[in-house]
Amino acid sequence: MSNIDKHVPIALILLLITAWIWPLASTATETEDEFRVVVTIKPLHSILSGLMLGLGEPELLIDDAQLPHQFIPSPEQWQRMQQADLLFWVGPELESSLAESVEQMDKSTEIIELLSHSGLKVLPSRHQKQQRDPHFWLDNRNLMIMLDDLTLLLQQMDTKRTHIYERNRQTVLARLARIDREYEYGYRGMKAGLGIQYHDTLQYFEQAYALKVLDHLSGSPTQPADAKGLLRMRERITSGEAVCLLSERGFPNKHLALLTEESDINHGILNSFGIGLSPGPDLYFELMAHNTDEIKRCLNADMVQAGKARSAAQQDKLVAAEGIGKGTFLLTDHLGRLVTDETMLGKFAIVYFGYTYCPDICPTSLQIVFQALNELGDNAARFQPYFITIDPQRDSVAVMKKYVEYYDERLIGVTGSEAMIERVAAQFKARFERVDEASDDPDLYLMDHTASLYLLDPSGRFINKFAHGISPLELAAKLNELIE
């Protein structure tokens, strides 16, 4: 390994890559040595397999024989690690027994700790203080964020095949975007039931797609369940509060029978590590499809509607992220003034799609935006937040005006005709759907919708998309990077 610290984020590695990596890349390609990439776990191996399609298969280090939490490399596996040009692992919070081996690696292998990637949304563990939750790949947007850096790193180390890596990047990005479209609103408004989880693996999935999990028994397979937690979970089941218990395939769950006996609770088995699935480019997408179907079945969701959401996502024309926000439109702000693609130029635009009757997600998202702007001080004037309704039937100019006055005078509320709202939402790849309540009142309904924040630069070019659940401080840091 080079003198770069093993746990340095990918972004910093890329800044230094010319000085340290270029000679290595040149030697590898000029002498036609095999470019060897080793990846520890199946989901991430799947993404790297997609990026390397047609160029060779990355080597999978941890198969189904051991859980990552307990993995110790055999002599043969240790040799494979030493011979690799690149070694990708998640980090000590997941492959804890591998950490010592990583520390002992020599300088010939570049080691990338993915959990330290500076652009990722990394959540703290809910069970072990001072540690990170390692299951970041269950928010597929994290992989979309990471994809460019992974591609660039491979291109810099394997310079003769950069065009193939770029082609593969576009294919993987399109597949990830399809998942995002399917899940963006698929879990919002799901009121069929509430679930509990044996092992806490879904925190990223919960935050990304507004899925509510009531409780968790254990933080990881190596963390034993305590009696207090068992009693608490058992009470949630016997009282009928929870209709679904989710466990993980391959994880120890010796108390499962105690929790489920003499109850009719649904039991769903997740497969967040792809156990039993064939390694390769398709594995990540197979495990995500399995998990989402298992969660919905366990929660007694409408599987017909779930199938329609998946079908619609698969049939949508795939558009690269560079096309987001492009196109002309004509809307009206909360003061009756015109809002067009041209009037939005001149400042960084923070665009959010929501509606004034939204009970929780919209207010939370707007609060995060203004708390972040407050962190920027005078620099906040360089950003303009927009709240574009996806419910123009109820959100008139007058309604939007009252709503804006309630929040912050810096906000521009935007409404318009249903056709124009649909057009603008399509330009941003934002999805929404009406959900009728069981009521005789036709005006009593909810809207399932994209809850992300879109950031455009002063020329109208799309910069980034921030998932629901980002903290105000994290958002402020991202915005501040643009103006430093």
Protein backbone atom coordinates (compact mmCIF):
# COMPACT_ATOMS: atom_id res chain seq x y z
CA MET A 1 0.00 0.00 0.00
CA SER A 2 1.13 3.58 -0.53
CA ASN A 3 1.93 5.98 2.28
CA ILE A 4 -1.65 7.23 2.18
CA ASP A 5 -3.41 6.40 5.43
CA LYS A 6 -5.65 3.30 5.04
CA HIS A 7 -8.73 5.06 6.27
CA VAL A 8 -8.41 8.22 4.17
CA PRO A 9 -11.62 9.02 2.20
CA ILE A 10 -11.59 8.26 -1.52
CA ALA A 11 -11.82 11.97 -2.35
CA LEU A 12 -8.44 12.68 -0.72
CA ILE A 13 -6.87 9.64 -2.36
CA LEU A 14 -7.94 10.98 -5.73
CA LEU A 15 -6.20 14.31 -5.08
CA LEU A 16 -2.94 12.48 -4.52
CA ILE A 17 -3.45 9.82 -7.15
CA THR A 18 -1.18 11.36 -9.82
CA ALA A 19 1.84 11.38 -7.53
CA TRP A 20 1.46 7.91 -6.10
CA ILE A 21 -0.78 5.86 -8.38
CA TRP A 22 0.23 6.88 -11.91
CA PRO A 23 3.53 4.95 -11.92
CA LEU A 24 1.68 1.89 -10.66
CA ALA A 25 -0.98 2.20 -13.35
CA SER A 26 1.60 2.68 -16.10
CA THR A 27 3.58 -0.35 -15.00
CA ALA A 28 0.46 -2.52 -14.83
CA THR A 29 -0.77 -1.63 -18.31
CA GLU A 30 2.57 -1.46 -20.10
CA THR A 31 3.67 -4.88 -18.90
CA GLU A 32 0.13 -6.25 -19.41
CA ASP A 33 0.06 -7.49 -15.83
CA GLU A 34 -3.40 -8.50 -14.66
CA PHE A 35 -5.21 -5.67 -12.90
CA ARG A 36 -6.50 -7.28 -9.70
CA VAL A 37 -9.32 -5.90 -7.60
CA VAL A 38 -10.48 -7.61 -4.40
CA VAL A 39 -13.80 -6.71 -2.70
CA THR A 40 -14.84 -8.04 0.69
CA ILE A 41 -18.67 -8.39 0.55
CA LYS A 42 -21.12 -9.42 -2.16
CA PRO A 43 -23.23 -6.23 -2.53
CA LEU A 44 -20.19 -4.05 -3.17
CA HIS A 45 -18.54 -6.75 -5.26
CA SER A 46 -21.67 -6.59 -7.43
CA ILE A 47 -21.24 -2.85 -8.11
CA LEU A 48 -17.53 -3.28 -8.92
CA SER A 49 -18.43 -6.22 -11.18
CA GLY A 50 -20.72 -3.90 -13.09
CA LEU A 51 -18.00 -1.30 -13.48
CA MET A 52 -15.47 -3.93 -14.62
CA LEU A 53 -17.85 -5.80 -16.95
CA GLY A 54 -15.93 -7.04 -19.99
CA LEU A 55 -12.57 -6.24 -18.37
CA GLY A 56 -12.29 -9.00 -15.82
CA GLU A 57 -14.03 -10.06 -12.64
CA PRO A 58 -13.14 -8.50 -9.28
CA GLU A 59 -12.31 -11.13 -6.68
CA LEU A 60 -14.82 -11.71 -3.89
CA LEU A 61 -13.08 -12.20 -0.56
CA ILE A 62 -15.93 -13.18 1.79
CA ASP A 63 -18.30 -15.86 0.51
CA ASP A 64 -21.33 -17.43 2.20
CA ALA A 65 -19.22 -19.60 4.51
CA GLN A 66 -18.63 -16.74 6.98
CA LEU A 67 -20.35 -13.53 8.01
CA PRO A 68 -18.26 -10.38 7.42
CA HIS A 69 -18.43 -9.59 11.15
CA GLN A 70 -16.43 -12.74 11.99
CA PHE A 71 -14.29 -13.12 8.87
CA ILE A 72 -10.60 -13.95 9.31
CA PRO A 73 -8.69 -14.57 6.06
CA SER A 74 -7.19 -17.98 5.41
CA PRO A 75 -3.58 -18.17 4.17
CA GLU A 76 -4.87 -18.41 0.59
CA GLN A 77 -7.17 -15.40 1.08
CA TRP A 78 -4.37 -13.44 2.71
CA GLN A 79 -2.22 -14.10 -0.37
CA ARG A 80 -5.01 -12.84 -2.64
CA MET A 81 -5.23 -9.66 -0.59
CA GLN A 82 -1.48 -9.12 -0.86
CA GLN A 83 -1.48 -9.63 -4.62
CA ALA A 84 -4.32 -7.18 -5.27
CA ASP A 85 -3.79 -3.76 -6.82
CA LEU A 86 -6.94 -2.53 -5.08
CA LEU A 87 -8.68 -3.86 -1.98
CA PHE A 88 -12.15 -2.51 -1.12
CA TRP A 89 -13.63 -3.13 2.30
CA VAL A 90 -16.46 -1.48 4.25
CA GLY A 91 -14.64 -0.68 7.50
CA PRO A 92 -13.98 -1.98 11.01
CA GLU A 93 -17.63 -1.62 12.05
CA LEU A 94 -18.52 -4.46 9.67
CA GLU A 95 -15.40 -6.54 9.01
CA SER A 96 -14.06 -6.10 12.54
CA SER A 97 -11.92 -9.25 12.50
CA LEU A 98 -10.38 -8.20 9.18
CA ALA A 99 -9.16 -4.85 10.51
CA GLU A 100 -5.95 -6.30 11.95
CA SER A 101 -5.09 -7.98 8.67
CA VAL A 102 -5.68 -4.72 6.80
CA GLU A 103 -3.26 -2.96 9.14
CA GLN A 104 -0.59 -5.54 8.26
CA MET A 105 -0.90 -5.17 4.49
CA ASP A 106 2.24 -4.11 2.66
CA LYS A 107 2.66 -1.14 0.33
CA SER A 108 1.88 -2.91 -2.93
CA THR A 109 -1.92 -2.84 -2.44
CA GLU A 110 -4.07 0.28 -2.35
CA ILE A 111 -6.70 -0.14 0.37
CA ILE A 112 -10.00 1.73 0.17
CA GLU A 113 -12.25 1.90 3.23
CA LEU A 114 -15.61 2.70 1.66
CA LEU A 115 -17.31 3.75 4.88
CA SER A 116 -14.88 6.69 5.02
CA HIS A 117 -15.92 8.06 1.62
CA SER A 118 -16.44 11.77 2.25
CA GLY A 119 -19.55 12.08 0.09
CA LEU A 120 -21.56 9.27 1.63
CA LYS A 121 -24.47 9.69 3.96
CA VAL A 122 -23.05 7.76 6.93
CA LEU A 123 -25.33 7.24 9.93
CA PRO A 124 -24.24 6.60 13.53
CA SER A 125 -24.94 3.18 14.97
CA ARG A 126 -28.14 3.01 17.01
CA HIS A 127 -26.64 0.36 19.30
CA GLN A 128 -22.94 1.08 19.71
CA LYS A 129 -21.86 4.61 20.60
CA GLN A 130 -19.01 6.22 18.66
CA GLN A 131 -19.44 3.73 15.80
CA ARG A 132 -20.89 4.09 12.32
CA ASP A 133 -23.75 2.03 10.93
CA PRO A 134 -21.98 0.01 8.20
CA HIS A 135 -24.99 -0.93 6.02
CA PHE A 136 -24.75 2.13 3.76
CA TRP A 137 -25.42 0.19 0.52
CA LEU A 138 -29.09 -0.32 1.53
CA ASP A 139 -29.63 3.31 0.54
CA ASN A 140 -28.88 2.90 -3.16
CA ARG A 141 -28.33 6.67 -3.42
CA ASN A 142 -25.12 6.17 -1.48
CA LEU A 143 -23.92 3.95 -4.30
CA MET A 144 -24.97 6.56 -6.85
CA ILE A 145 -22.86 9.11 -4.95
CA MET A 146 -19.89 6.75 -4.75
CA LEU A 147 -20.07 5.53 -8.35
CA ASP A 148 -18.17 8.42 -9.96
CA ASP A 149 -15.27 8.14 -7.53
CA LEU A 150 -15.04 4.37 -7.96
CA THR A 151 -15.01 4.81 -11.73
CA LEU A 152 -12.33 7.49 -11.63
CA LEU A 153 -10.16 5.42 -9.33
CA LEU A 154 -10.35 2.41 -11.66
CA GLN A 155 -9.62 4.62 -14.67
CA GLN A 156 -6.56 6.15 -13.05
CA MET A 157 -5.15 2.74 -12.14
CA ASP A 158 -6.07 1.06 -15.45
CA THR A 159 -5.56 3.91 -17.90
CA LYS A 160 -5.85 2.05 -21.20
CA ARG A 161 -9.50 1.11 -20.64
CA THR A 162 -10.99 4.32 -19.29
CA HIS A 163 -13.71 4.44 -21.98
CA ILE A 164 -15.00 1.01 -20.98
CA TYR A 165 -15.21 2.01 -17.31
CA GLU A 166 -17.18 5.09 -18.32
CA ARG A 167 -19.59 3.07 -20.44
CA ASN A 168 -20.10 0.63 -17.59
CA ARG A 169 -20.61 3.51 -15.15
CA GLN A 170 -23.53 4.80 -17.20
CA THR A 171 -25.12 1.34 -17.25
CA VAL A 172 -24.80 0.85 -13.48
CA LEU A 173 -26.03 4.40 -12.83
CA ALA A 174 -29.12 3.75 -14.94
CA ARG A 175 -29.91 0.59 -12.96
CA LEU A 176 -29.46 2.40 -9.65
CA ALA A 177 -31.65 5.25 -10.84
CA ARG A 178 -34.37 2.76 -11.72
CA ILE A 179 -34.36 1.50 -8.12
CA ASP A 180 -34.56 5.08 -6.90
CA ARG A 181 -37.62 5.76 -9.05
CA GLU A 182 -39.35 2.61 -7.82
CA TYR A 183 -38.64 3.17 -4.13
CA GLU A 184 -38.84 6.97 -4.04
CA TYR A 185 -42.46 6.98 -2.97
CA GLY A 186 -43.19 3.25 -2.71
CA TYR A 187 -43.00 3.19 1.07
CA ARG A 188 -44.51 6.56 1.88
CA GLY A 189 -48.10 6.35 2.99
CA MET A 190 -47.84 2.62 3.68
CA LYS A 191 -50.27 2.16 6.53
CA ALA A 192 -50.81 -1.59 6.28
CA GLY A 193 -48.82 -2.27 9.44
CA LEU A 194 -45.67 -1.68 11.44
CA GLY A 195 -42.69 -3.97 11.80
CA ILE A 196 -39.84 -4.83 14.13
CA GLN A 197 -36.43 -6.19 13.25
CA TYR A 198 -34.27 -8.86 14.88
CA HIS A 199 -30.97 -7.29 13.75
CA ASP A 200 -30.70 -3.58 13.01
CA THR A 201 -29.68 -3.46 9.34
CA LEU A 202 -32.34 -1.19 7.79
CA GLN A 203 -31.52 2.26 9.19
CA TYR A 204 -30.33 3.60 5.81
CA PHE A 205 -33.31 2.09 4.01
CA GLU A 206 -35.70 3.55 6.61
CA GLN A 207 -34.37 7.07 6.24
CA ALA A 208 -34.11 6.99 2.46
CA TYR A 209 -37.64 5.76 1.88
CA ALA A 210 -39.55 6.85 5.00
CA LEU A 211 -40.09 3.30 6.23
CA LYS A 212 -40.96 3.07 9.94
CA VAL A 213 -39.45 0.17 11.92
CA LEU A 214 -40.62 0.17 15.53
CA ASP A 215 -37.81 -1.63 17.30
CA HIS A 216 -34.70 -3.80 16.99
CA LEU A 217 -33.48 -6.62 19.20
CA SER A 218 -29.77 -6.59 18.36
CA GLY A 219 -27.33 -4.29 16.64
CA SER A 220 -25.32 -7.00 14.88
CA PRO A 221 -24.85 -10.79 14.77
CA THR A 222 -22.05 -10.50 17.32
CA GLN A 223 -24.15 -8.52 19.79
CA PRO A 224 -26.23 -10.84 22.03
CA ALA A 225 -29.85 -10.02 22.77
CA ASP A 226 -30.64 -9.03 26.34
CA ALA A 227 -33.62 -10.13 28.41
CA LYS A 228 -35.05 -6.62 28.57
CA GLY A 229 -35.03 -6.30 24.82
CA LEU A 230 -36.67 -9.70 24.38
CA LEU A 231 -39.49 -8.78 26.75
CA ARG A 232 -40.02 -5.46 25.01
CA MET A 233 -40.17 -7.07 21.58
CA ARG A 234 -42.44 -9.84 22.81
CA GLU A 235 -44.87 -7.26 24.20
CA ARG A 236 -45.00 -5.40 20.89
CA ILE A 237 -45.91 -8.68 19.19
CA THR A 238 -48.49 -9.98 21.68
CA SER A 239 -50.19 -6.58 21.89
CA GLY A 240 -50.63 -6.52 18.13
CA GLU A 241 -48.61 -3.31 17.79
CA ALA A 242 -46.24 -5.03 15.36
CA VAL A 243 -47.58 -7.13 12.49
CA CYS A 244 -44.19 -8.05 11.03
CA LEU A 245 -40.87 -9.39 12.33
CA LEU A 246 -37.90 -9.09 9.96
CA SER A 247 -34.75 -11.17 10.35
CA GLU A 248 -31.63 -11.48 8.18
CA ARG A 249 -30.69 -14.58 6.23
CA GLY A 250 -27.58 -16.22 7.66
CA PHE A 251 -27.64 -14.23 10.90
CA PRO A 252 -27.99 -16.11 14.22
CA ASN A 253 -31.48 -15.68 15.70
CA LYS A 254 -31.76 -18.25 18.46
CA HIS A 255 -34.56 -16.28 20.17
CA LEU A 256 -36.78 -16.18 17.08
CA ALA A 257 -39.06 -18.98 18.28
CA LEU A 258 -39.48 -17.27 21.63
CA LEU A 259 -40.69 -14.13 19.89
CA THR A 260 -43.03 -15.78 17.42
CA GLU A 261 -44.53 -18.68 19.36
CA GLU A 262 -48.26 -18.47 20.02
CA SER A 263 -48.55 -15.43 17.79
CA ASP A 264 -49.67 -14.86 14.21
CA ILE A 265 -47.04 -12.21 13.44
CA ASN A 266 -45.70 -12.26 9.88
CA HIS A 267 -42.06 -13.24 9.52
CA GLY A 268 -39.98 -11.80 6.69
CA ILE A 269 -36.42 -12.89 5.92
CA LEU A 270 -34.20 -10.17 4.44
CA ASN A 271 -31.02 -10.89 2.51
CA SER A 272 -28.98 -7.70 2.80
CA PHE A 273 -25.67 -9.47 2.16
CA GLY A 274 -26.78 -11.53 -0.86
CA ILE A 275 -26.29 -14.89 0.88
CA GLY A 276 -27.02 -17.73 -1.54
CA LEU A 277 -27.13 -15.41 -4.57
CA SER A 278 -24.60 -15.81 -7.38
CA PRO A 279 -21.91 -13.09 -7.28
CA GLY A 280 -21.85 -10.66 -10.17
CA PRO A 281 -23.34 -7.45 -11.60
CA ASP A 282 -26.94 -8.53 -10.97
CA LEU A 283 -26.61 -9.55 -7.33
CA TYR A 284 -27.13 -6.11 -5.76
CA PHE A 285 -30.30 -5.54 -7.73
CA GLU A 286 -31.59 -9.02 -6.90
CA LEU A 287 -31.08 -8.52 -3.17
CA MET A 288 -32.74 -5.10 -3.22
CA ALA A 289 -35.74 -6.52 -5.10
CA HIS A 290 -35.93 -9.40 -2.62
CA ASN A 291 -35.73 -7.11 0.40
CA THR A 292 -38.38 -4.69 -0.79
CA ASP A 293 -40.80 -7.50 -1.70
CA GLU A 294 -40.20 -9.22 1.63
CA ILE A 295 -40.80 -6.02 3.61
CA LYS A 296 -44.01 -5.24 1.77
CA ARG A 297 -45.38 -8.76 2.10
CA CYS A 298 -44.50 -8.81 5.79
CA LEU A 299 -46.31 -5.49 6.33
CA ASN A 300 -49.41 -6.70 4.48
CA ALA A 301 -48.92 -4.10 1.77
CA ASP A 302 -50.82 -4.10 -1.50
CA MET A 303 -48.52 -6.18 -3.69
CA VAL A 304 -50.50 -5.31 -6.82
CA GLN A 305 -49.69 -1.64 -6.33
CA ALA A 306 -46.09 -2.57 -5.50
CA GLY A 307 -45.88 -4.43 -8.79
CA LYS A 308 -47.25 -1.44 -10.68
CA ALA A 309 -44.59 0.83 -9.12
CA ARG A 310 -41.85 -1.57 -10.19
CA SER A 311 -43.27 -1.93 -13.69
CA ALA A 312 -43.54 1.84 -14.11
CA ALA A 313 -39.94 2.30 -12.99
CA GLN A 314 -38.70 -0.34 -15.41
CA GLN A 315 -40.58 1.20 -18.32
CA ASP A 316 -39.47 4.76 -17.66
CA LYS A 317 -36.96 6.16 -20.11
CA LEU A 318 -33.62 6.24 -18.34
CA VAL A 319 -32.08 9.70 -18.28
CA ALA A 320 -28.62 10.46 -16.96
CA ALA A 321 -28.35 12.69 -13.93
CA GLU A 322 -26.88 15.44 -16.10
CA GLY A 323 -30.37 15.96 -17.60
CA ILE A 324 -32.12 16.72 -14.32
CA GLY A 325 -33.78 20.12 -14.17
CA LYS A 326 -33.38 20.84 -17.88
CA GLY A 327 -36.34 22.19 -19.85
CA THR A 328 -38.64 25.18 -20.06
CA PHE A 329 -41.62 25.79 -17.80
CA LEU A 330 -44.02 28.53 -16.76
CA LEU A 331 -45.27 28.58 -13.15
CA THR A 332 -46.49 31.10 -10.55
CA ASP A 333 -44.99 31.96 -7.18
CA HIS A 334 -46.82 32.66 -3.92
CA LEU A 335 -47.04 36.38 -4.78
CA GLY A 336 -48.52 35.82 -8.24
CA ARG A 337 -45.26 36.43 -10.12
CA LEU A 338 -44.01 34.28 -13.00
CA VAL A 339 -41.47 31.57 -12.23
CA THR A 340 -39.64 30.16 -15.24
CA ASP A 341 -36.45 28.24 -15.91
CA GLU A 342 -34.85 31.63 -16.65
CA THR A 343 -36.04 33.49 -13.53
CA MET A 344 -34.45 30.75 -11.41
CA LEU A 345 -30.99 31.59 -12.73
CA GLY A 346 -28.46 33.76 -10.89
CA LYS A 347 -28.33 31.92 -7.55
CA PHE A 348 -27.85 28.37 -6.40
CA ALA A 349 -31.38 26.93 -6.40
CA ILE A 350 -32.54 24.46 -3.74
CA VAL A 351 -35.66 22.82 -5.15
CA TYR A 352 -38.11 20.73 -3.12
CA PHE A 353 -41.32 19.11 -4.34
CA GLY A 354 -44.08 18.83 -1.72
CA TYR A 355 -47.52 20.10 -0.75
CA THR A 356 -48.97 22.27 1.99
CA TYR A 357 -51.17 19.52 3.47
CA CYS A 358 -48.14 17.25 3.93
CA PRO A 359 -48.26 16.07 7.57
CA ASP A 360 -44.59 15.44 8.36
CA ILE A 361 -42.01 14.93 5.61
CA CYS A 362 -42.39 18.34 3.94
CA PRO A 363 -42.22 20.41 7.15
CA THR A 364 -39.18 18.45 8.29
CA SER A 365 -37.40 18.93 4.97
CA LEU A 366 -38.06 22.68 4.91
CA GLN A 367 -36.85 23.07 8.47
CA ILE A 368 -33.62 21.30 7.52
CA VAL A 369 -33.12 23.66 4.57
CA PHE A 370 -33.49 26.81 6.63
CA GLN A 371 -31.44 25.50 9.54
CA ALA A 372 -28.69 24.77 7.02
CA LEU A 373 -28.96 28.23 5.49
CA ASN A 374 -28.77 29.79 8.94
CA GLU A 375 -25.48 27.97 9.44
CA LEU A 376 -24.09 29.73 6.36
CA GLY A 377 -24.58 33.25 7.71
CA ASP A 378 -24.24 35.93 5.02
CA ASN A 379 -23.41 33.29 2.40
CA ALA A 380 -26.99 32.04 2.62
CA ALA A 381 -27.96 34.90 0.28
CA ARG A 382 -26.31 32.99 -2.55
CA PHE A 383 -28.93 30.25 -2.31
CA GLN A 384 -32.62 30.43 -3.21
CA PRO A 385 -34.98 27.73 -1.87
CA TYR A 386 -38.08 26.82 -3.92
CA PHE A 387 -41.07 24.82 -2.69
CA ILE A 388 -42.89 23.45 -5.76
CA THR A 389 -46.29 21.96 -4.98
CA ILE A 390 -47.29 18.61 -6.43
CA ASP A 391 -50.90 19.29 -5.30
CA PRO A 392 -52.01 22.33 -7.35
CA GLN A 393 -55.65 21.32 -6.90
CA ARG A 394 -55.50 22.54 -3.29
CA ASP A 395 -52.35 24.67 -3.28
CA SER A 396 -53.52 27.92 -4.86
CA VAL A 397 -51.44 31.10 -4.85
CA ALA A 398 -53.27 32.27 -1.70
CA VAL A 399 -52.64 28.97 0.10
CA MET A 400 -48.99 29.02 -0.88
CA LYS A 401 -48.65 32.59 0.35
CA LYS A 402 -49.88 31.67 3.83
CA TYR A 403 -47.64 28.62 3.87
CA VAL A 404 -44.54 30.63 2.93
CA GLU A 405 -45.31 33.27 5.56
CA TYR A 406 -45.47 30.53 8.17
CA TYR A 407 -42.03 29.18 7.30
CA ASP A 408 -39.54 31.77 6.10
CA GLU A 409 -39.66 34.84 3.89
CA ARG A 410 -36.67 33.52 1.94
CA LEU A 411 -38.78 30.67 0.56
CA ILE A 412 -40.46 30.94 -2.85
CA GLY A 413 -43.62 28.86 -3.03
CA VAL A 414 -44.49 27.71 -6.56
CA THR A 415 -47.75 26.45 -8.04
CA GLY A 416 -49.31 26.17 -11.48
CA SER A 417 -51.53 24.07 -13.69
CA GLU A 418 -51.60 20.31 -13.15
CA ALA A 419 -50.08 19.74 -16.59
CA MET A 420 -47.19 22.15 -15.96
CA ILE A 421 -46.51 20.72 -12.49
CA GLU A 422 -46.32 17.24 -14.00
CA ARG A 423 -43.93 18.56 -16.66
CA VAL A 424 -41.58 20.19 -14.15
CA ALA A 425 -41.63 17.15 -11.86
CA ALA A 426 -40.73 14.96 -14.84
CA GLN A 427 -37.82 17.25 -15.68
CA PHE A 428 -36.46 16.72 -12.17
CA LYS A 429 -37.27 12.97 -12.22
CA ALA A 430 -39.46 13.63 -9.17
CA ARG A 431 -42.42 11.32 -8.67
CA PHE A 432 -45.74 11.81 -6.90
CA GLU A 433 -49.00 9.95 -6.50
CA ARG A 434 -52.35 10.72 -4.88
CA VAL A 435 -53.39 8.45 -2.01
CA ASP A 436 -57.08 8.67 -1.14
CA GLU A 437 -58.10 8.31 2.49
CA ALA A 438 -61.13 6.31 3.67
CA SER A 439 -63.43 9.34 3.83
CA ASP A 440 -66.45 10.86 2.13
CA ASP A 441 -64.56 14.16 1.83
CA PRO A 442 -62.99 14.35 -1.67
CA ASP A 443 -60.46 16.91 -0.42
CA LEU A 444 -59.12 14.57 2.23
CA TYR A 445 -56.20 12.79 0.60
CA LEU A 446 -52.44 12.50 0.88
CA MET A 447 -49.69 12.67 -1.74
CA ASP A 448 -46.83 10.17 -1.84
CA HIS A 449 -43.88 11.96 -3.37
CA THR A 450 -40.17 12.34 -3.87
CA ALA A 451 -38.69 13.91 -0.73
CA SER A 452 -35.23 14.76 -2.02
CA LEU A 453 -33.63 18.20 -2.28
CA TYR A 454 -32.33 19.17 -5.72
CA LEU A 455 -29.43 21.60 -6.04
CA LEU A 456 -28.83 23.62 -9.22
CA ASP A 457 -25.98 26.04 -9.84
CA PRO A 458 -26.60 29.71 -10.86
CA SER A 459 -26.59 28.69 -14.55
CA GLY A 460 -29.33 26.11 -13.95
CA ARG A 461 -27.04 23.07 -14.16
CA PHE A 462 -27.92 20.17 -11.84
CA ILE A 463 -25.27 19.65 -9.15
CA ASN A 464 -26.59 17.15 -6.64
CA LYS A 465 -29.60 15.45 -5.11
CA PHE A 466 -29.77 15.15 -1.32
CA ALA A 467 -31.83 12.32 0.12
CA HIS A 468 -34.49 12.86 2.75
CA GLY A 469 -32.93 12.57 6.21
CA ILE A 470 -29.78 14.63 5.63
CA SER A 471 -28.94 16.66 8.72
CA PRO A 472 -28.86 20.49 8.69
CA LEU A 473 -25.15 20.52 9.50
CA GLU A 474 -24.35 18.04 6.75
CA LEU A 475 -26.40 20.00 4.23
CA ALA A 476 -24.73 23.25 5.31
CA ALA A 477 -21.31 21.67 4.84
CA LYS A 478 -22.23 20.53 1.32
CA LEU A 479 -23.53 23.98 0.39
CA ASN A 480 -20.52 25.69 1.89
CA GLU A 481 -18.17 23.59 -0.26
CA LEU A 482 -19.67 25.27 -3.34
CA ILE A 483 -18.80 28.80 -2.32
CA GLU A 484 -15.50 28.43 -0.52
